[in-house]
Amino acid sequence: MTASIIPQDRIEPLSPKDFDRYSRNILLPEVGIEGQQRIRAAKVLVVGAGGLGAPVALYLAAAGVGTVGLVDNDVVDESNLQRQVIHGIRDIGRPKTASARDSIRAINRGVQVVTHQEALTSENALRILEPYDVVVDGTDNFPTRYLLNDAAVTVAAAARVTSNSSGRSTETVTASGIARYIASRPIPTRSGVPSTR
């Protein structure tokens, strides 16, 4: 097996219940028992609990990721429901992180969910990202994406997933130390998020 970003001291044996629940993952030669143990030990941060972050968080929970962190400062609106599958009618007006947490727990009670009901800013980004092994970019604006990328590089986050939003594709960063996104336009700025290009 290749080197892992998951520290060895966090890896624990699977229980008989884990073997039952994750048997399909374990059967995959690329995963196996050791891989499932690493999945369960992983700490993944999902920034954005909307159109991209919502299904990612659900699949992470279903796969058995041990800790899922959620960052979003928005509340569920009825217009979100047609694409943000983690939220339902009962969640309208609730914080997206609370709604997503409840949906994750309904799928897998063995997943620890850590909510950050706040916007990602230059003041809190390093604090929020530091405990996680992997960061998933589920955001919908470039200033936050650039901030997230810079913070991930700073804390040496080992993997990132990006999305195609607003018709513009962005590069996927899969190793620590990678510079910011490759974009065809100058980096946008907003108050509190400096451009460092």
C-alpha atoms as a PDB file:
ATOM      1  CA  MET A   1       0.000   0.000   0.000  1.00  0.00           C
ATOM      2  CA  THR A   2       1.217   3.529  -0.739  1.00  0.00           C
ATOM      3  CA  ALA A   3       2.118   6.083   1.900  1.00  0.00           C
ATOM      4  CA  SER A   4      -0.833   7.475   3.777  1.00  0.00           C
ATOM      5  CA  ILE A   5      -1.677  10.952   4.990  1.00  0.00           C
ATOM      6  CA  ILE A   6      -3.434   9.369   7.972  1.00  0.00           C
ATOM      7  CA  PRO A   7      -1.176   9.075  11.039  1.00  0.00           C
ATOM      8  CA  GLN A   8      -0.634   5.448  12.051  1.00  0.00           C
ATOM      9  CA  ASP A   9      -1.561   6.148  15.686  1.00  0.00           C
ATOM     10  CA  ARG A  10      -5.155   7.010  14.642  1.00  0.00           C
ATOM     11  CA  ILE A  11      -5.738   3.702  12.857  1.00  0.00           C
ATOM     12  CA  GLU A  12      -7.731   1.129  14.827  1.00  0.00           C
ATOM     13  CA  PRO A  13      -9.036  -2.364  14.020  1.00  0.00           C
ATOM     14  CA  LEU A  14     -12.472  -2.679  12.431  1.00  0.00           C
ATOM     15  CA  SER A  15     -15.307  -4.100  14.510  1.00  0.00           C
ATOM     16  CA  PRO A  16     -17.540  -6.954  13.252  1.00  0.00           C
ATOM     17  CA  LYS A  17     -20.231  -4.311  12.638  1.00  0.00           C
ATOM     18  CA  ASP A  18     -17.740  -2.310  10.527  1.00  0.00           C
ATOM     19  CA  PHE A  19     -16.986  -5.423   8.458  1.00  0.00           C
ATOM     20  CA  ASP A  20     -20.712  -5.822   7.761  1.00  0.00           C
ATOM     21  CA  ARG A  21     -21.341  -2.181   6.940  1.00  0.00           C
ATOM     22  CA  TYR A  22     -18.255  -1.605   4.769  1.00  0.00           C
ATOM     23  CA  SER A  23     -17.953  -5.067   3.219  1.00  0.00           C
ATOM     24  CA  ARG A  24     -18.314  -3.711  -0.335  1.00  0.00           C
ATOM     25  CA  ASN A  25     -15.461  -1.256   0.223  1.00  0.00           C
ATOM     26  CA  ILE A  26     -13.308  -3.943   1.831  1.00  0.00           C
ATOM     27  CA  LEU A  27     -13.821  -6.260  -1.161  1.00  0.00           C
ATOM     28  CA  LEU A  28     -12.191  -3.710  -3.454  1.00  0.00           C
ATOM     29  CA  PRO A  29      -8.495  -4.572  -3.877  1.00  0.00           C
ATOM     30  CA  GLU A  30      -7.685  -0.851  -3.845  1.00  0.00           C
ATOM     31  CA  VAL A  31      -9.290  -0.445  -0.398  1.00  0.00           C
ATOM     32  CA  GLY A  32      -9.245  -3.681   1.586  1.00  0.00           C
ATOM     33  CA  ILE A  33      -9.246  -3.824   5.375  1.00  0.00           C
ATOM     34  CA  GLU A  34      -6.294  -1.468   5.801  1.00  0.00           C
ATOM     35  CA  GLY A  35      -7.819   1.088   3.455  1.00  0.00           C
ATOM     36  CA  GLN A  36     -11.141   1.024   5.294  1.00  0.00           C
ATOM     37  CA  GLN A  37      -9.313   1.502   8.586  1.00  0.00           C
ATOM     38  CA  ARG A  38      -7.630   4.577   7.106  1.00  0.00           C
ATOM     39  CA  ILE A  39     -10.954   5.884   5.791  1.00  0.00           C
ATOM     40  CA  ARG A  40     -12.436   5.552   9.266  1.00  0.00           C
ATOM     41  CA  ALA A  41      -9.431   7.353  10.789  1.00  0.00           C
ATOM     42  CA  ALA A  42      -9.588  10.200   8.245  1.00  0.00           C
ATOM     43  CA  LYS A  43     -10.640  13.745   9.097  1.00  0.00           C
ATOM     44  CA  VAL A  44     -12.150  15.533   6.095  1.00  0.00           C
ATOM     45  CA  LEU A  45     -13.263  19.168   6.022  1.00  0.00           C
ATOM     46  CA  VAL A  46     -15.991  20.166   3.557  1.00  0.00           C
ATOM     47  CA  VAL A  47     -16.075  23.922   2.992  1.00  0.00           C
ATOM     48  CA  GLY A  48     -19.553  24.759   1.721  1.00  0.00           C
ATOM     49  CA  ALA A  49     -22.678  22.728   2.497  1.00  0.00           C
ATOM     50  CA  GLY A  50     -24.445  23.605  -0.736  1.00  0.00           C
ATOM     51  CA  GLY A  51     -24.660  22.147  -4.238  1.00  0.00           C
ATOM     52  CA  LEU A  52     -21.235  20.446  -4.261  1.00  0.00           C
ATOM     53  CA  GLY A  53     -20.472  20.105  -0.562  1.00  0.00           C
ATOM     54  CA  ALA A  54     -23.829  18.501   0.288  1.00  0.00           C
ATOM     55  CA  PRO A  55     -23.477  15.302  -1.777  1.00  0.00           C
ATOM     56  CA  VAL A  56     -19.770  15.059  -0.964  1.00  0.00           C
ATOM     57  CA  ALA A  57     -20.528  15.138   2.774  1.00  0.00           C
ATOM     58  CA  LEU A  58     -23.197  12.446   2.383  1.00  0.00           C
ATOM     59  CA  TYR A  59     -20.881  10.144   0.431  1.00  0.00           C
ATOM     60  CA  LEU A  60     -18.032  10.683   2.888  1.00  0.00           C
ATOM     61  CA  ALA A  61     -20.345   9.650   5.718  1.00  0.00           C
ATOM     62  CA  ALA A  62     -21.650   6.641   3.813  1.00  0.00           C
ATOM     63  CA  ALA A  63     -18.075   5.539   3.041  1.00  0.00           C
ATOM     64  CA  GLY A  64     -17.237   5.648   6.742  1.00  0.00           C
ATOM     65  CA  VAL A  65     -14.947   8.667   7.026  1.00  0.00           C
ATOM     66  CA  GLY A  66     -14.373   9.050  10.767  1.00  0.00           C
ATOM     67  CA  THR A  67     -14.658  12.834  11.072  1.00  0.00           C
ATOM     68  CA  VAL A  68     -16.451  15.178   8.696  1.00  0.00           C
ATOM     69  CA  GLY A  69     -16.082  18.906   9.317  1.00  0.00           C
ATOM     70  CA  LEU A  70     -18.548  21.322   7.738  1.00  0.00           C
ATOM     71  CA  VAL A  71     -17.960  25.038   7.142  1.00  0.00           C
ATOM     72  CA  ASP A  72     -20.831  27.252   6.002  1.00  0.00           C
ATOM     73  CA  ASN A  73     -22.384  30.427   7.372  1.00  0.00           C
ATOM     74  CA  ASP A  74     -25.583  30.254   5.329  1.00  0.00           C
ATOM     75  CA  VAL A  75     -29.076  29.053   6.193  1.00  0.00           C
ATOM     76  CA  VAL A  76     -31.235  26.706   4.129  1.00  0.00           C
ATOM     77  CA  ASP A  77     -33.537  28.496   1.705  1.00  0.00           C
ATOM     78  CA  GLU A  78     -36.336  26.886  -0.282  1.00  0.00           C
ATOM     79  CA  SER A  79     -34.456  27.688  -3.504  1.00  0.00           C
ATOM     80  CA  ASN A  80     -31.609  25.422  -2.284  1.00  0.00           C
ATOM     81  CA  LEU A  81     -33.734  22.278  -2.144  1.00  0.00           C
ATOM     82  CA  GLN A  82     -33.679  21.461  -5.867  1.00  0.00           C
ATOM     83  CA  ARG A  83     -29.911  20.889  -5.835  1.00  0.00           C
ATOM     84  CA  GLN A  84     -28.697  20.630  -2.225  1.00  0.00           C
ATOM     85  CA  VAL A  85     -29.799  17.083  -1.439  1.00  0.00           C
ATOM     86  CA  ILE A  86     -28.593  17.095   2.153  1.00  0.00           C
ATOM     87  CA  HIS A  87     -31.332  19.578   3.150  1.00  0.00           C
ATOM     88  CA  GLY A  88     -35.105  19.125   3.267  1.00  0.00           C
ATOM     89  CA  ILE A  89     -38.266  21.180   3.697  1.00  0.00           C
ATOM     90  CA  ARG A  90     -38.035  20.860   7.479  1.00  0.00           C
ATOM     91  CA  ASP A  91     -34.616  22.550   7.318  1.00  0.00           C
ATOM     92  CA  ILE A  92     -35.705  25.839   5.724  1.00  0.00           C
ATOM     93  CA  GLY A  93     -34.339  28.660   7.871  1.00  0.00           C
ATOM     94  CA  ARG A  94     -31.893  26.402   9.751  1.00  0.00           C
ATOM     95  CA  PRO A  95     -28.120  26.774   9.478  1.00  0.00           C
ATOM     96  CA  LYS A  96     -26.823  24.591   6.642  1.00  0.00           C
ATOM     97  CA  THR A  97     -24.190  23.081   8.933  1.00  0.00           C
ATOM     98  CA  ALA A  98     -26.856  21.921  11.424  1.00  0.00           C
ATOM     99  CA  SER A  99     -29.060  20.517   8.669  1.00  0.00           C
ATOM    100  CA  ALA A 100     -26.118  18.718   7.063  1.00  0.00           C
ATOM    101  CA  ARG A 101     -24.973  17.354  10.438  1.00  0.00           C
ATOM    102  CA  ASP A 102     -28.412  15.838  11.065  1.00  0.00           C
ATOM    103  CA  SER A 103     -28.531  14.259   7.595  1.00  0.00           C
ATOM    104  CA  ILE A 104     -25.045  12.790   8.022  1.00  0.00           C
ATOM    105  CA  ARG A 105     -25.987  11.311  11.397  1.00  0.00           C
ATOM    106  CA  ALA A 106     -29.106   9.784   9.829  1.00  0.00           C
ATOM    107  CA  ILE A 107     -26.852   7.936   7.364  1.00  0.00           C
ATOM    108  CA  ASN A 108     -24.009   6.978   9.699  1.00  0.00           C
ATOM    109  CA  ARG A 109     -24.031   7.562  13.452  1.00  0.00           C
ATOM    110  CA  GLY A 110     -20.423   6.423  13.632  1.00  0.00           C
ATOM    111  CA  VAL A 111     -19.211   9.594  11.915  1.00  0.00           C
ATOM    112  CA  GLN A 112     -18.143  12.490  14.117  1.00  0.00           C
ATOM    113  CA  VAL A 113     -19.503  15.716  12.633  1.00  0.00           C
ATOM    114  CA  VAL A 114     -17.816  19.009  13.523  1.00  0.00           C
ATOM    115  CA  THR A 115     -19.717  22.121  12.460  1.00  0.00           C
ATOM    116  CA  HIS A 116     -18.234  25.544  11.822  1.00  0.00           C
ATOM    117  CA  GLN A 117     -21.217  27.903  11.415  1.00  0.00           C
ATOM    118  CA  GLU A 118     -19.076  30.740  10.087  1.00  0.00           C
ATOM    119  CA  ALA A 119     -17.696  32.108   6.860  1.00  0.00           C
ATOM    120  CA  LEU A 120     -14.146  31.084   6.006  1.00  0.00           C
ATOM    121  CA  THR A 121     -11.999  34.208   6.400  1.00  0.00           C
ATOM    122  CA  SER A 122      -8.326  35.054   6.489  1.00  0.00           C
ATOM    123  CA  GLU A 123      -8.703  35.361  10.273  1.00  0.00           C
ATOM    124  CA  ASN A 124     -10.075  31.829  10.880  1.00  0.00           C
ATOM    125  CA  ALA A 125      -8.948  29.713   7.914  1.00  0.00           C
ATOM    126  CA  LEU A 126      -5.776  28.273   9.435  1.00  0.00           C
ATOM    127  CA  ARG A 127      -7.511  27.450  12.725  1.00  0.00           C
ATOM    128  CA  ILE A 128     -10.347  25.673  10.931  1.00  0.00           C
ATOM    129  CA  LEU A 129      -8.215  23.715   8.430  1.00  0.00           C
ATOM    130  CA  GLU A 130      -5.407  22.643  10.769  1.00  0.00           C
ATOM    131  CA  PRO A 131      -7.010  19.515  12.331  1.00  0.00           C
ATOM    132  CA  TYR A 132      -8.031  17.958   8.993  1.00  0.00           C
ATOM    133  CA  ASP A 133      -6.241  15.533   6.686  1.00  0.00           C
ATOM    134  CA  VAL A 134      -8.177  16.449   3.540  1.00  0.00           C
ATOM    135  CA  VAL A 135     -10.013  19.615   2.516  1.00  0.00           C
ATOM    136  CA  VAL A 136     -12.879  19.592   0.004  1.00  0.00           C
ATOM    137  CA  ASP A 137     -13.665  22.856  -1.763  1.00  0.00           C
ATOM    138  CA  GLY A 138     -17.435  23.080  -2.105  1.00  0.00           C
ATOM    139  CA  THR A 139     -17.482  26.865  -2.398  1.00  0.00           C
ATOM    140  CA  ASP A 140     -19.130  28.948  -5.092  1.00  0.00           C
ATOM    141  CA  ASN A 141     -16.867  31.985  -5.345  1.00  0.00           C
ATOM    142  CA  PHE A 142     -13.263  32.548  -6.322  1.00  0.00           C
ATOM    143  CA  PRO A 143     -12.121  34.789  -3.452  1.00  0.00           C
ATOM    144  CA  THR A 144     -12.995  32.041  -0.961  1.00  0.00           C
ATOM    145  CA  ARG A 145     -11.428  29.395  -3.201  1.00  0.00           C
ATOM    146  CA  TYR A 146      -8.156  31.299  -3.335  1.00  0.00           C
ATOM    147  CA  LEU A 147      -8.214  31.848   0.411  1.00  0.00           C
ATOM    148  CA  LEU A 148      -8.947  28.153   0.959  1.00  0.00           C
ATOM    149  CA  ASN A 149      -6.156  27.113  -1.380  1.00  0.00           C
ATOM    150  CA  ASP A 150      -3.632  29.400   0.319  1.00  0.00           C
ATOM    151  CA  ALA A 151      -4.658  28.171   3.771  1.00  0.00           C
ATOM    152  CA  ALA A 152      -4.498  24.520   2.666  1.00  0.00           C
ATOM    153  CA  VAL A 153      -0.982  25.000   1.332  1.00  0.00           C
ATOM    154  CA  THR A 154       0.017  26.782   4.531  1.00  0.00           C
ATOM    155  CA  VAL A 155      -1.196  23.955   6.783  1.00  0.00           C
ATOM    156  CA  ALA A 156       0.053  21.370   4.268  1.00  0.00           C
ATOM    157  CA  ALA A 157      -3.351  19.861   3.621  1.00  0.00           C
ATOM    158  CA  ALA A 158      -2.631  16.773   1.580  1.00  0.00           C
ATOM    159  CA  ALA A 159      -5.511  16.759  -0.880  1.00  0.00           C
ATOM    160  CA  ARG A 160      -8.104  19.075  -2.379  1.00  0.00           C
ATOM    161  CA  VAL A 161     -11.113  18.603  -4.575  1.00  0.00           C
ATOM    162  CA  THR A 162     -12.344  21.478  -6.688  1.00  0.00           C
ATOM    163  CA  SER A 163     -15.420  22.054  -8.755  1.00  0.00           C
ATOM    164  CA  ASN A 164     -16.653  23.580 -11.972  1.00  0.00           C
ATOM    165  CA  SER A 165     -18.725  26.598 -10.998  1.00  0.00           C
ATOM    166  CA  SER A 166     -19.987  29.486 -13.082  1.00  0.00           C
ATOM    167  CA  GLY A 167     -18.814  27.743 -16.244  1.00  0.00           C
ATOM    168  CA  ARG A 168     -15.135  27.913 -15.249  1.00  0.00           C
ATOM    169  CA  SER A 169     -13.134  24.843 -14.474  1.00  0.00           C
ATOM    170  CA  THR A 170     -10.403  24.846 -11.846  1.00  0.00           C
ATOM    171  CA  GLU A 171      -7.450  22.552 -11.327  1.00  0.00           C
ATOM    172  CA  THR A 172      -7.550  19.776  -8.751  1.00  0.00           C
ATOM    173  CA  VAL A 173      -4.701  19.944  -6.273  1.00  0.00           C
ATOM    174  CA  THR A 174      -3.704  16.536  -4.950  1.00  0.00           C
ATOM    175  CA  ALA A 175      -0.505  17.148  -3.031  1.00  0.00           C
ATOM    176  CA  SER A 176       0.667  19.552  -0.395  1.00  0.00           C
ATOM    177  CA  GLY A 177       2.873  22.431  -1.430  1.00  0.00           C
ATOM    178  CA  ILE A 178       1.030  23.076  -4.701  1.00  0.00           C
ATOM    179  CA  ALA A 179       0.564  26.724  -5.592  1.00  0.00           C
ATOM    180  CA  ARG A 180      -2.816  28.297  -6.096  1.00  0.00           C
ATOM    181  CA  TYR A 181      -5.290  27.528  -8.876  1.00  0.00           C
ATOM    182  CA  ILE A 182      -4.452  28.151 -12.484  1.00  0.00           C
ATOM    183  CA  ALA A 183      -6.963  30.716 -13.690  1.00  0.00           C
ATOM    184  CA  SER A 184      -7.233  32.681 -16.897  1.00  0.00           C
ATOM    185  CA  ARG A 185      -8.261  35.910 -15.156  1.00  0.00           C
ATOM    186  CA  PRO A 186      -6.707  37.921 -12.333  1.00  0.00           C
ATOM    187  CA  ILE A 187      -7.566  36.802  -8.841  1.00  0.00           C
ATOM    188  CA  PRO A 188     -10.722  38.551  -7.628  1.00  0.00           C
ATOM    189  CA  THR A 189     -10.599  40.266  -4.270  1.00  0.00           C
ATOM    190  CA  ARG A 190     -13.123  41.146  -1.630  1.00  0.00           C
ATOM    191  CA  SER A 191     -12.891  42.896   1.694  1.00  0.00           C
ATOM    192  CA  GLY A 192     -10.775  40.883   4.111  1.00  0.00           C
ATOM    193  CA  VAL A 193      -9.414  38.487   1.482  1.00  0.00           C
ATOM    194  CA  PRO A 194      -6.166  39.834   0.073  1.00  0.00           C
ATOM    195  CA  SER A 195      -4.946  38.911  -3.381  1.00  0.00           C
ATOM    196  CA  THR A 196      -1.449  37.459  -3.130  1.00  0.00           C
ATOM    197  CA  ARG A 197      -0.871  36.493  -6.755  1.00  0.00           C
END
